[in-house]
């Protein structure tokens, strides 16, 4: 079953986070991820508000997790770790 990679982010260092975004997009695409929402309009109804929200669709939970653990994504993530506060979850789509 397909899966969604859902990230909620507050950027604290725009320059470093820009480098992350530059590298993360191609890494996610390389692993079959397709962005379906990226920093688009949103309405916060509950929980902690994060002004940047990203949703990518993968073929499976395993594919999304493999992307996250890949060397190329981890190289991108190194730029985001001290440049943002974030939550990331992968959720299986029940089709």
C-alpha atoms as a PDB file:
ATOM      1  CA  UNK A   1       0.000   0.000   0.000  1.00  0.00           C
ATOM      2  CA  UNK A   2       1.082   3.565  -0.676  1.00  0.00           C
ATOM      3  CA  UNK A   3       2.285   5.819   2.118  1.00  0.00           C
ATOM      4  CA  UNK A   4       2.463   9.506   2.909  1.00  0.00           C
ATOM      5  CA  UNK A   5       5.565  11.181   4.346  1.00  0.00           C
ATOM      6  CA  UNK A   6       4.234  14.132   6.337  1.00  0.00           C
ATOM      7  CA  UNK A   7       6.589  16.772   7.726  1.00  0.00           C
ATOM      8  CA  UNK A   8       5.689  19.761   9.891  1.00  0.00           C
ATOM      9  CA  UNK A   9       8.542  22.257  10.085  1.00  0.00           C
ATOM     10  CA  UNK A  10       9.538  25.553  11.645  1.00  0.00           C
ATOM     11  CA  UNK A  11      12.646  26.874   9.906  1.00  0.00           C
ATOM     12  CA  UNK A  12      15.122  28.582  12.254  1.00  0.00           C
ATOM     13  CA  UNK A  13      18.002  29.111   9.790  1.00  0.00           C
ATOM     14  CA  UNK A  14      16.767  29.824   6.265  1.00  0.00           C
ATOM     15  CA  UNK A  15      20.177  29.514   4.577  1.00  0.00           C
ATOM     16  CA  UNK A  16      20.997  26.101   6.023  1.00  0.00           C
ATOM     17  CA  UNK A  17      17.452  24.877   5.492  1.00  0.00           C
ATOM     18  CA  UNK A  18      17.653  26.022   1.882  1.00  0.00           C
ATOM     19  CA  UNK A  19      20.617  23.702   1.393  1.00  0.00           C
ATOM     20  CA  UNK A  20      18.579  20.877   2.935  1.00  0.00           C
ATOM     21  CA  UNK A  21      15.674  21.562   0.549  1.00  0.00           C
ATOM     22  CA  UNK A  22      18.042  21.707  -2.418  1.00  0.00           C
ATOM     23  CA  UNK A  23      19.392  18.227  -1.609  1.00  0.00           C
ATOM     24  CA  UNK A  24      16.279  16.607  -0.126  1.00  0.00           C
ATOM     25  CA  UNK A  25      14.038  17.072  -3.171  1.00  0.00           C
ATOM     26  CA  UNK A  26      16.243  15.025  -5.506  1.00  0.00           C
ATOM     27  CA  UNK A  27      16.871  12.398  -2.793  1.00  0.00           C
ATOM     28  CA  UNK A  28      13.139  11.958  -2.248  1.00  0.00           C
ATOM     29  CA  UNK A  29      12.485  11.757  -6.003  1.00  0.00           C
ATOM     30  CA  UNK A  30      15.317   9.239  -6.430  1.00  0.00           C
ATOM     31  CA  UNK A  31      13.544   6.971  -3.966  1.00  0.00           C
ATOM     32  CA  UNK A  32      10.184   7.236  -5.716  1.00  0.00           C
ATOM     33  CA  UNK A  33       8.698  10.017  -3.606  1.00  0.00           C
ATOM     34  CA  UNK A  34       6.351  12.487  -5.248  1.00  0.00           C
ATOM     35  CA  UNK A  35       5.508  15.783  -3.556  1.00  0.00           C
ATOM     36  CA  UNK A  36       1.774  16.407  -3.282  1.00  0.00           C
ATOM     37  CA  UNK A  37       1.927  19.407  -0.905  1.00  0.00           C
ATOM     38  CA  UNK A  38       4.886  21.637  -0.174  1.00  0.00           C
ATOM     39  CA  UNK A  39       4.680  24.805   1.932  1.00  0.00           C
ATOM     40  CA  UNK A  40       1.152  25.380   0.632  1.00  0.00           C
ATOM     41  CA  UNK A  41      -1.758  27.128   2.296  1.00  0.00           C
ATOM     42  CA  UNK A  42      -2.923  25.383   5.475  1.00  0.00           C
ATOM     43  CA  UNK A  43      -5.254  25.780   8.427  1.00  0.00           C
ATOM     44  CA  UNK A  44      -3.973  24.706  11.858  1.00  0.00           C
ATOM     45  CA  UNK A  45      -6.869  23.172  13.770  1.00  0.00           C
ATOM     46  CA  UNK A  46      -5.056  21.440  16.644  1.00  0.00           C
ATOM     47  CA  UNK A  47      -1.560  20.964  18.016  1.00  0.00           C
ATOM     48  CA  UNK A  48       1.624  22.956  17.575  1.00  0.00           C
ATOM     49  CA  UNK A  49       1.618  25.159  14.515  1.00  0.00           C
ATOM     50  CA  UNK A  50       4.497  24.706  12.084  1.00  0.00           C
ATOM     51  CA  UNK A  51       4.477  27.152   9.166  1.00  0.00           C
ATOM     52  CA  UNK A  52       5.990  24.703   6.648  1.00  0.00           C
ATOM     53  CA  UNK A  53       4.126  21.493   5.890  1.00  0.00           C
ATOM     54  CA  UNK A  54       5.255  18.940   3.323  1.00  0.00           C
ATOM     55  CA  UNK A  55       3.523  15.797   2.096  1.00  0.00           C
ATOM     56  CA  UNK A  56       5.138  13.302  -0.271  1.00  0.00           C
ATOM     57  CA  UNK A  57       3.647  10.062  -1.547  1.00  0.00           C
ATOM     58  CA  UNK A  58       5.702   6.861  -1.729  1.00  0.00           C
ATOM     59  CA  UNK A  59       4.901   3.374  -3.017  1.00  0.00           C
ATOM     60  CA  UNK A  60       4.963   1.959   0.517  1.00  0.00           C
ATOM     61  CA  UNK A  61       5.896   2.673   4.126  1.00  0.00           C
ATOM     62  CA  UNK A  62       9.072   0.681   3.529  1.00  0.00           C
ATOM     63  CA  UNK A  63      10.016   2.829   0.515  1.00  0.00           C
ATOM     64  CA  UNK A  64       9.536   6.031   2.534  1.00  0.00           C
ATOM     65  CA  UNK A  65      11.593   4.705   5.448  1.00  0.00           C
ATOM     66  CA  UNK A  66      14.307   3.485   3.066  1.00  0.00           C
ATOM     67  CA  UNK A  67      14.450   6.995   1.580  1.00  0.00           C
ATOM     68  CA  UNK A  68      14.789   8.536   5.037  1.00  0.00           C
ATOM     69  CA  UNK A  69      17.611   6.153   5.941  1.00  0.00           C
ATOM     70  CA  UNK A  70      19.425   6.536   2.604  1.00  0.00           C
ATOM     71  CA  UNK A  71      22.847   8.144   2.454  1.00  0.00           C
ATOM     72  CA  UNK A  72      21.657  10.891   0.115  1.00  0.00           C
ATOM     73  CA  UNK A  73      18.699  11.894   2.288  1.00  0.00           C
ATOM     74  CA  UNK A  74      20.786  11.754   5.468  1.00  0.00           C
ATOM     75  CA  UNK A  75      23.337  14.052   3.806  1.00  0.00           C
ATOM     76  CA  UNK A  76      20.505  16.518   3.139  1.00  0.00           C
ATOM     77  CA  UNK A  77      19.081  16.103   6.635  1.00  0.00           C
ATOM     78  CA  UNK A  78      22.405  17.106   8.182  1.00  0.00           C
ATOM     79  CA  UNK A  79      21.653  20.653   6.971  1.00  0.00           C
ATOM     80  CA  UNK A  80      18.156  20.695   8.514  1.00  0.00           C
ATOM     81  CA  UNK A  81      18.924  19.331  11.962  1.00  0.00           C
ATOM     82  CA  UNK A  82      20.222  22.603  13.434  1.00  0.00           C
ATOM     83  CA  UNK A  83      18.205  24.757  11.038  1.00  0.00           C
ATOM     84  CA  UNK A  84      14.695  23.675  11.968  1.00  0.00           C
ATOM     85  CA  UNK A  85      12.296  22.193  14.465  1.00  0.00           C
ATOM     86  CA  UNK A  86      10.363  19.390  12.822  1.00  0.00           C
ATOM     87  CA  UNK A  87       8.194  16.368  13.117  1.00  0.00           C
ATOM     88  CA  UNK A  88       8.098  13.686  10.441  1.00  0.00           C
ATOM     89  CA  UNK A  89       5.735  10.748  10.211  1.00  0.00           C
ATOM     90  CA  UNK A  90       5.080   8.126   7.545  1.00  0.00           C
ATOM     91  CA  UNK A  91       1.474   6.947   7.319  1.00  0.00           C
ATOM     92  CA  UNK A  92       0.190   4.066   5.219  1.00  0.00           C
ATOM     93  CA  UNK A  93      -2.711   4.923   2.937  1.00  0.00           C
ATOM     94  CA  UNK A  94      -5.578   2.509   3.370  1.00  0.00           C
ATOM     95  CA  UNK A  95      -6.927   2.250  -0.151  1.00  0.00           C
END
